[in-house]
Every structure is written in structure tokens, then in C-alpha cells.
Amino acid sequence: MRSWRARLIRGGIVALAMLAQASIASAQPKATRNVYDLLALLYGIPNAPACQVSTTTVGTSPVRVLYNDPRAVSVFAMNLSSGVCYLGYNGQVSSSIGAQLGASGGSVNEDYRVDMVLQTYEHWFVCANSSETILTIRCDLN
């Protein structure tokens, strides 16, 4: 009789251990294979963001480079030229009203987790010299 109970108890312990192991394994996060898997895992984004890369020539008059986009999750802008440029969110941008992007690589990065909604606004640029180049990358949710 004792051996039967001992085997039952031992079997129950083994079964519990197997169930515990199975639940621990299922609680492990899914292995990521690329950045899109990581976005889906961390933020629940089912599709990869659609990113648009563009370059725009900007001079001494304000130029609207990006239009209002409520689906935008991030914006990156970089001054590729040798002169200083300024970023603003309306046509009133100037050297005294705007964020300065330094020459040859000055940049700004706006992200919904940090700036909340800045990435959805229009982006206007003006530069100290004519024919300066601004690189922009805007990513939208599909």
C-alpha cells in the first residue's frame, strides 16, 4: 500500500514539475528575427512603419518640407549643407524663431514617445544661405 501511495505522490510531483516547466516556456517572449518583429513585440504594431526619405533644397525663404500627417510616429531631419538652417512648425520660421540645425550634419529627431505630437506637424525650414539641402525621414503607421 505504501509503495502505491509513494508512486502516486511521486507521479503527481513529476506532473506538477512538467506543468510548471511548460508554463515557464510559454511565458518566454517570442524570438525576434528582425526589427519589425521587435516593433510588434514591444509596441503591438502589426505592420512595419512606412518610412519616406527625401531631400529638399532650402534657401533664405521659409520652405514647407513636411506636411501635417496625423499618422506619423517619427521624424528625422538633417542639414546636409555647409550653412546653418532652422526648423519651425509654421511659415514664420527664421534664425530667431526656430531650432538651429548646424552645418554638415546638424539634426533633430522627433518621436511620439518623447515629443508626443511634434512629428505630426508641418515642418518648415529656412537657411542662412541659398541652395542648402535638408534630408528628412518620416515614418507613418500603416
N, C-alpha and C. Protein backbone atom coordinates (compact mmCIF):
# COMPACT_ATOMS: atom_id res chain seq x y z
N MET A 1 0.81 -1.18 0.00
CA MET A 1 0.00 0.00 0.00
C MET A 1 0.86 1.26 0.00
N ARG A 2 1.95 1.20 0.79
CA ARG A 2 2.82 2.39 0.86
C ARG A 2 3.48 2.67 -0.47
N SER A 3 3.90 1.66 -1.17
CA SER A 3 4.57 1.88 -2.44
C SER A 3 3.61 2.47 -3.48
N TRP A 4 2.35 2.06 -3.41
CA TRP A 4 1.36 2.60 -4.33
C TRP A 4 1.17 4.10 -4.08
N ARG A 5 1.05 4.50 -2.82
CA ARG A 5 0.91 5.92 -2.46
C ARG A 5 2.17 6.70 -2.82
N ALA A 6 3.30 6.11 -2.57
CA ALA A 6 4.56 6.78 -2.88
C ALA A 6 4.67 7.02 -4.38
N ARG A 7 4.29 6.01 -5.16
CA ARG A 7 4.34 6.18 -6.63
C ARG A 7 3.35 7.24 -7.08
N LEU A 8 2.18 7.31 -6.49
CA LEU A 8 1.17 8.30 -6.84
C LEU A 8 1.67 9.71 -6.51
N ILE A 9 2.23 9.85 -5.32
CA ILE A 9 2.77 11.15 -4.92
C ILE A 9 3.93 11.55 -5.84
N ARG A 10 4.84 10.61 -6.09
CA ARG A 10 5.97 10.87 -6.97
C ARG A 10 5.48 11.26 -8.37
N GLY A 11 4.48 10.55 -8.87
CA GLY A 11 3.90 10.84 -10.19
C GLY A 11 3.25 12.22 -10.22
N GLY A 12 2.58 12.59 -9.13
CA GLY A 12 1.96 13.91 -9.04
C GLY A 12 3.00 15.02 -9.04
N ILE A 13 4.10 14.78 -8.32
CA ILE A 13 5.18 15.77 -8.28
C ILE A 13 5.80 15.93 -9.66
N VAL A 14 6.01 14.84 -10.35
CA VAL A 14 6.57 14.89 -11.71
C VAL A 14 5.62 15.63 -12.65
N ALA A 15 4.31 15.35 -12.52
CA ALA A 15 3.33 16.02 -13.37
C ALA A 15 3.30 17.52 -13.10
N LEU A 16 3.36 17.91 -11.82
CA LEU A 16 3.40 19.34 -11.48
C LEU A 16 4.65 20.01 -12.02
N ALA A 17 5.77 19.33 -11.92
CA ALA A 17 7.02 19.88 -12.45
C ALA A 17 6.93 20.07 -13.95
N MET A 18 6.33 19.12 -14.66
CA MET A 18 6.19 19.24 -16.11
C MET A 18 5.25 20.40 -16.46
N LEU A 19 4.15 20.56 -15.72
CA LEU A 19 3.25 21.68 -15.96
C LEU A 19 3.93 23.02 -15.70
N ALA A 20 4.69 23.08 -14.63
CA ALA A 20 5.42 24.32 -14.30
C ALA A 20 6.41 24.66 -15.40
N GLN A 21 7.13 23.65 -15.89
CA GLN A 21 8.11 23.86 -16.96
C GLN A 21 7.41 24.35 -18.22
N ALA A 22 6.26 23.77 -18.55
CA ALA A 22 5.52 24.16 -19.76
C ALA A 22 5.02 25.59 -19.64
N SER A 23 4.54 25.99 -18.46
CA SER A 23 4.04 27.36 -18.30
C SER A 23 5.17 28.37 -18.34
N ILE A 24 6.35 28.03 -17.82
CA ILE A 24 7.50 28.92 -17.90
C ILE A 24 7.94 29.09 -19.34
N ALA A 25 7.96 28.00 -20.10
CA ALA A 25 8.37 28.07 -21.51
C ALA A 25 7.40 28.92 -22.32
N SER A 26 6.08 28.82 -22.05
CA SER A 26 5.11 29.59 -22.82
C SER A 26 5.13 31.06 -22.43
N ALA A 27 5.65 31.40 -21.25
CA ALA A 27 5.72 32.79 -20.83
C ALA A 27 6.93 33.52 -21.42
N GLN A 28 7.85 32.79 -22.03
CA GLN A 28 9.02 33.41 -22.63
C GLN A 28 8.61 34.20 -23.85
N PRO A 29 9.22 35.39 -24.07
CA PRO A 29 8.86 36.17 -25.25
C PRO A 29 9.27 35.47 -26.54
N LYS A 30 8.50 35.74 -27.58
CA LYS A 30 8.79 35.16 -28.89
C LYS A 30 10.14 35.67 -29.37
N ALA A 31 10.90 34.81 -30.01
CA ALA A 31 12.22 35.20 -30.52
C ALA A 31 12.04 36.16 -31.68
N THR A 32 12.80 37.26 -31.67
CA THR A 32 12.73 38.22 -32.76
C THR A 32 13.70 37.84 -33.85
N ARG A 33 13.28 38.03 -35.08
CA ARG A 33 14.12 37.74 -36.23
C ARG A 33 14.58 39.01 -36.92
N ASN A 34 13.85 40.11 -36.74
CA ASN A 34 14.23 41.38 -37.35
C ASN A 34 13.60 42.52 -36.56
N VAL A 35 13.86 43.74 -36.97
CA VAL A 35 13.37 44.90 -36.23
C VAL A 35 11.84 44.98 -36.26
N TYR A 36 11.20 44.48 -37.32
CA TYR A 36 9.75 44.52 -37.39
C TYR A 36 9.12 43.58 -36.37
N ASP A 37 9.75 42.43 -36.13
CA ASP A 37 9.28 41.54 -35.08
C ASP A 37 9.42 42.21 -33.72
N LEU A 38 10.51 42.94 -33.54
CA LEU A 38 10.73 43.65 -32.27
C LEU A 38 9.67 44.73 -32.07
N LEU A 39 9.33 45.49 -33.11
CA LEU A 39 8.28 46.50 -33.00
C LEU A 39 6.94 45.87 -32.65
N ALA A 40 6.63 44.76 -33.28
CA ALA A 40 5.38 44.07 -32.98
C ALA A 40 5.36 43.58 -31.54
N LEU A 41 6.48 43.06 -31.07
CA LEU A 41 6.57 42.54 -29.71
C LEU A 41 6.50 43.65 -28.67
N LEU A 42 7.24 44.73 -28.88
CA LEU A 42 7.30 45.79 -27.87
C LEU A 42 6.11 46.73 -27.90
N TYR A 43 5.61 47.06 -29.11
CA TYR A 43 4.58 48.09 -29.22
C TYR A 43 3.27 47.61 -29.80
N GLY A 44 3.19 46.35 -30.19
CA GLY A 44 1.95 45.83 -30.76
C GLY A 44 1.65 46.36 -32.15
N ILE A 45 2.68 46.80 -32.88
CA ILE A 45 2.49 47.30 -34.23
C ILE A 45 2.50 46.10 -35.18
N PRO A 46 1.37 45.78 -35.80
CA PRO A 46 1.31 44.57 -36.61
C PRO A 46 2.07 44.68 -37.93
N ASN A 47 2.15 45.87 -38.49
CA ASN A 47 2.84 46.07 -39.78
C ASN A 47 4.03 47.01 -39.59
N ALA A 48 5.00 46.85 -40.43
CA ALA A 48 6.18 47.72 -40.37
C ALA A 48 5.77 49.14 -40.73
N PRO A 49 6.32 50.16 -40.04
CA PRO A 49 6.03 51.54 -40.42
C PRO A 49 6.51 51.82 -41.85
N ALA A 50 5.78 52.67 -42.54
CA ALA A 50 6.17 53.09 -43.89
C ALA A 50 6.99 54.38 -43.75
N CYS A 51 8.25 54.31 -44.11
CA CYS A 51 9.13 55.46 -43.97
C CYS A 51 9.44 56.07 -45.34
N GLN A 52 9.37 57.38 -45.40
CA GLN A 52 9.66 58.11 -46.63
C GLN A 52 10.92 58.94 -46.41
N VAL A 53 11.89 58.76 -47.28
CA VAL A 53 13.14 59.50 -47.23
C VAL A 53 13.14 60.51 -48.37
N SER A 54 13.46 61.75 -48.06
CA SER A 54 13.50 62.76 -49.12
C SER A 54 14.56 63.81 -48.81
N THR A 55 15.01 64.48 -49.85
CA THR A 55 15.90 65.63 -49.71
C THR A 55 15.22 66.81 -50.38
N THR A 56 15.38 67.96 -49.76
CA THR A 56 14.75 69.19 -50.25
C THR A 56 15.79 70.30 -50.24
N THR A 57 15.78 71.11 -51.29
CA THR A 57 16.65 72.28 -51.35
C THR A 57 15.93 73.45 -50.69
N VAL A 58 16.61 74.08 -49.75
CA VAL A 58 16.03 75.19 -48.98
C VAL A 58 16.95 76.39 -49.10
N GLY A 59 16.35 77.55 -49.19
CA GLY A 59 17.13 78.78 -49.29
C GLY A 59 16.85 79.72 -48.14
N THR A 60 16.89 81.02 -48.44
CA THR A 60 16.75 82.04 -47.40
C THR A 60 15.29 82.41 -47.12
N SER A 61 14.36 81.82 -47.86
CA SER A 61 12.92 81.99 -47.59
C SER A 61 12.39 80.69 -47.00
N PRO A 62 11.44 80.76 -46.06
CA PRO A 62 10.90 79.54 -45.45
C PRO A 62 10.27 78.60 -46.49
N VAL A 63 10.53 77.31 -46.34
CA VAL A 63 10.01 76.28 -47.23
C VAL A 63 9.36 75.19 -46.37
N ARG A 64 8.11 74.83 -46.74
CA ARG A 64 7.44 73.73 -46.04
C ARG A 64 7.95 72.43 -46.64
N VAL A 65 8.66 71.64 -45.83
CA VAL A 65 9.27 70.40 -46.29
C VAL A 65 8.36 69.21 -45.99
N LEU A 66 7.72 69.20 -44.84
CA LEU A 66 6.80 68.12 -44.46
C LEU A 66 5.43 68.71 -44.15
N TYR A 67 4.40 68.06 -44.66
CA TYR A 67 3.03 68.47 -44.39
C TYR A 67 2.51 67.78 -43.14
N ASN A 68 1.40 68.29 -42.61
CA ASN A 68 0.76 67.71 -41.44
C ASN A 68 0.39 66.25 -41.74
N ASP A 69 0.76 65.34 -40.85
CA ASP A 69 0.47 63.91 -41.02
C ASP A 69 0.14 63.30 -39.66
N PRO A 70 -1.15 63.11 -39.35
CA PRO A 70 -1.53 62.58 -38.04
C PRO A 70 -1.10 61.14 -37.80
N ARG A 71 -0.68 60.41 -38.84
CA ARG A 71 -0.23 59.03 -38.68
C ARG A 71 1.26 58.92 -38.41
N ALA A 72 1.99 60.02 -38.45
CA ALA A 72 3.44 59.99 -38.28
C ALA A 72 3.81 59.59 -36.86
N VAL A 73 4.76 58.65 -36.75
CA VAL A 73 5.24 58.25 -35.43
C VAL A 73 6.64 58.79 -35.16
N SER A 74 7.38 59.13 -36.22
CA SER A 74 8.70 59.72 -36.01
C SER A 74 9.13 60.53 -37.23
N VAL A 75 9.98 61.51 -36.95
CA VAL A 75 10.58 62.35 -38.00
C VAL A 75 12.04 62.55 -37.64
N PHE A 76 12.89 62.43 -38.65
CA PHE A 76 14.31 62.74 -38.52
C PHE A 76 14.65 63.73 -39.62
N ALA A 77 15.33 64.81 -39.27
CA ALA A 77 15.75 65.81 -40.25
C ALA A 77 17.22 66.13 -40.03
N MET A 78 17.98 66.25 -41.13
CA MET A 78 19.41 66.54 -41.04
C MET A 78 19.79 67.58 -42.09
N ASN A 79 20.62 68.52 -41.67
CA ASN A 79 21.17 69.53 -42.57
C ASN A 79 22.42 68.94 -43.23
N LEU A 80 22.37 68.73 -44.53
CA LEU A 80 23.49 68.13 -45.25
C LEU A 80 24.44 69.17 -45.83
N SER A 81 24.15 70.44 -45.64
CA SER A 81 24.92 71.50 -46.29
C SER A 81 25.91 72.17 -45.35
N SER A 82 26.66 73.11 -45.92
CA SER A 82 27.72 73.78 -45.16
C SER A 82 27.23 75.00 -44.39
N GLY A 83 25.98 75.40 -44.59
CA GLY A 83 25.43 76.55 -43.87
C GLY A 83 24.44 76.13 -42.80
N VAL A 84 24.14 77.02 -41.89
CA VAL A 84 23.20 76.77 -40.79
C VAL A 84 21.77 76.87 -41.32
N CYS A 85 20.89 75.97 -40.86
CA CYS A 85 19.47 76.01 -41.20
C CYS A 85 18.65 75.99 -39.91
N TYR A 86 17.38 76.37 -40.03
CA TYR A 86 16.50 76.45 -38.87
C TYR A 86 15.19 75.72 -39.18
N LEU A 87 14.67 75.05 -38.17
CA LEU A 87 13.42 74.29 -38.26
C LEU A 87 12.35 74.97 -37.44
N GLY A 88 11.16 75.10 -38.03
CA GLY A 88 10.00 75.61 -37.33
C GLY A 88 8.77 74.84 -37.75
N TYR A 89 7.65 75.13 -37.09
CA TYR A 89 6.42 74.39 -37.35
C TYR A 89 5.36 75.23 -38.05
N ASN A 90 5.79 76.39 -38.55
CA ASN A 90 4.92 77.21 -39.39
C ASN A 90 5.80 78.09 -40.27
N GLY A 91 5.19 78.85 -41.15
CA GLY A 91 5.92 79.67 -42.11
C GLY A 91 6.65 80.85 -41.51
N GLN A 92 6.56 81.04 -40.21
CA GLN A 92 7.24 82.16 -39.55
C GLN A 92 8.66 81.81 -39.10
N VAL A 93 9.14 80.64 -39.46
CA VAL A 93 10.47 80.21 -39.02
C VAL A 93 11.53 81.19 -39.52
N SER A 94 12.50 81.47 -38.66
CA SER A 94 13.60 82.36 -39.01
C SER A 94 14.79 82.01 -38.11
N SER A 95 15.87 82.75 -38.26
CA SER A 95 17.05 82.48 -37.42
C SER A 95 16.79 82.79 -35.96
N SER A 96 15.80 83.63 -35.67
CA SER A 96 15.48 83.94 -34.28
C SER A 96 14.28 83.15 -33.78
N ILE A 97 13.52 82.54 -34.67
CA ILE A 97 12.36 81.72 -34.29
C ILE A 97 12.50 80.37 -34.97
N GLY A 98 13.20 79.45 -34.34
CA GLY A 98 13.37 78.12 -34.92
C GLY A 98 14.50 77.38 -34.23
N ALA A 99 14.49 76.10 -34.41
CA ALA A 99 15.54 75.25 -33.86
C ALA A 99 16.68 75.18 -34.86
N GLN A 100 17.88 75.47 -34.40
CA GLN A 100 19.05 75.50 -35.29
C GLN A 100 19.54 74.10 -35.61
N LEU A 101 19.76 73.86 -36.90
CA LEU A 101 20.41 72.64 -37.36
C LEU A 101 21.77 73.06 -37.89
N GLY A 102 22.81 72.69 -37.17
CA GLY A 102 24.16 73.09 -37.54
C GLY A 102 24.57 72.58 -38.91
N ALA A 103 25.60 73.19 -39.44
CA ALA A 103 26.10 72.82 -40.76
C ALA A 103 26.65 71.40 -40.77
N SER A 104 26.55 70.76 -41.90
CA SER A 104 27.15 69.45 -42.16
C SER A 104 26.79 68.38 -41.13
N GLY A 105 25.50 68.21 -40.91
CA GLY A 105 25.08 67.11 -40.05
C GLY A 105 24.24 67.48 -38.85
N GLY A 106 23.93 68.74 -38.65
CA GLY A 106 23.04 69.11 -37.56
C GLY A 106 21.69 68.44 -37.77
N SER A 107 21.13 67.86 -36.74
CA SER A 107 19.92 67.08 -36.94
C SER A 107 18.96 67.21 -35.77
N VAL A 108 17.75 66.73 -36.02
CA VAL A 108 16.70 66.68 -35.00
C VAL A 108 15.95 65.37 -35.20
N ASN A 109 15.55 64.77 -34.09
CA ASN A 109 14.79 63.52 -34.12
C ASN A 109 13.56 63.70 -33.24
N GLU A 110 12.38 63.49 -33.82
CA GLU A 110 11.12 63.61 -33.08
C GLU A 110 10.43 62.25 -33.08
N ASP A 111 9.97 61.85 -31.91
CA ASP A 111 9.39 60.53 -31.76
C ASP A 111 8.17 60.66 -30.87
N TYR A 112 7.12 59.90 -31.16
CA TYR A 112 5.88 60.03 -30.40
C TYR A 112 6.07 59.74 -28.91
N ARG A 113 7.06 58.93 -28.54
CA ARG A 113 7.27 58.61 -27.12
C ARG A 113 7.92 59.76 -26.38
N VAL A 114 8.55 60.68 -27.10
CA VAL A 114 9.25 61.79 -26.47
C VAL A 114 8.51 63.11 -26.69
N ASP A 115 8.19 63.40 -27.93
CA ASP A 115 7.62 64.70 -28.30
C ASP A 115 6.10 64.70 -28.37
N MET A 116 5.48 63.56 -28.23
CA MET A 116 4.03 63.38 -28.29
C MET A 116 3.48 63.63 -29.69
N VAL A 117 3.42 64.89 -30.15
CA VAL A 117 2.77 65.17 -31.43
C VAL A 117 3.60 66.01 -32.41
N LEU A 118 4.78 66.43 -32.04
CA LEU A 118 5.58 67.29 -32.93
C LEU A 118 5.79 66.64 -34.29
N GLN A 119 5.97 65.34 -34.34
CA GLN A 119 6.22 64.65 -35.60
C GLN A 119 5.03 64.71 -36.55
N THR A 120 3.85 65.06 -36.06
CA THR A 120 2.67 65.14 -36.91
C THR A 120 2.50 66.52 -37.54
N TYR A 121 3.21 67.52 -37.06
CA TYR A 121 3.07 68.90 -37.54
C TYR A 121 3.77 69.12 -38.88
N GLU A 122 3.42 70.26 -39.51
CA GLU A 122 4.18 70.70 -40.67
C GLU A 122 5.58 71.06 -40.22
N HIS A 123 6.56 70.84 -41.08
CA HIS A 123 7.95 71.18 -40.78
C HIS A 123 8.44 72.17 -41.83
N TRP A 124 8.80 73.34 -41.38
CA TRP A 124 9.29 74.41 -42.25
C TRP A 124 10.77 74.62 -41.97
N PHE A 125 11.53 74.93 -42.99
CA PHE A 125 12.96 75.19 -42.84
C PHE A 125 13.32 76.48 -43.55
N VAL A 126 14.33 77.14 -43.04
CA VAL A 126 14.94 78.29 -43.68
C VAL A 126 16.43 78.20 -43.39
N CYS A 127 17.25 78.62 -44.34
CA CYS A 127 18.70 78.51 -44.18
C CYS A 127 19.36 79.87 -44.34
N ALA A 128 20.56 79.97 -43.81
CA ALA A 128 21.32 81.23 -43.90
C ALA A 128 21.80 81.48 -45.33
N ASN A 129 22.02 80.42 -46.09
CA ASN A 129 22.49 80.54 -47.47
C ASN A 129 21.45 79.94 -48.42
N SER A 130 21.57 80.27 -49.69
CA SER A 130 20.67 79.67 -50.68
C SER A 130 21.16 78.28 -51.06
N SER A 131 20.26 77.47 -51.52
CA SER A 131 20.55 76.11 -52.03
C SER A 131 21.20 75.19 -51.00
N GLU A 132 20.65 75.13 -49.82
CA GLU A 132 21.09 74.18 -48.81
C GLU A 132 20.21 72.93 -48.91
N THR A 133 20.73 71.78 -48.51
CA THR A 133 19.99 70.52 -48.64
C THR A 133 19.59 69.98 -47.26
N ILE A 134 18.29 69.66 -47.13
CA ILE A 134 17.75 69.07 -45.91
C ILE A 134 17.28 67.65 -46.23
N LEU A 135 17.76 66.69 -45.45
CA LEU A 135 17.32 65.30 -45.55
C LEU A 135 16.24 65.07 -44.50
N THR A 136 15.12 64.46 -44.89
CA THR A 136 14.07 64.13 -43.92
C THR A 136 13.67 62.67 -44.07
N ILE A 137 13.35 62.06 -42.94
CA ILE A 137 12.81 60.70 -42.90
C ILE A 137 11.59 60.75 -41.98
N ARG A 138 10.42 60.46 -42.54
CA ARG A 138 9.19 60.44 -41.74
C ARG A 138 8.60 59.04 -41.83
N CYS A 139 8.27 58.47 -40.67
CA CYS A 139 7.69 57.13 -40.62
C CYS A 139 6.25 57.21 -40.14
N ASP A 140 5.36 56.55 -40.89
CA ASP A 140 3.93 56.50 -40.59
C ASP A 140 3.53 55.08 -40.26
N LEU A 141 2.46 54.96 -39.49
CA LEU A 141 1.87 53.65 -39.27
C LEU A 141 1.00 53.30 -40.46
N ASN A 142 1.04 52.07 -40.86
CA ASN A 142 0.21 51.61 -41.99
C ASN A 142 -1.19 51.33 -41.52
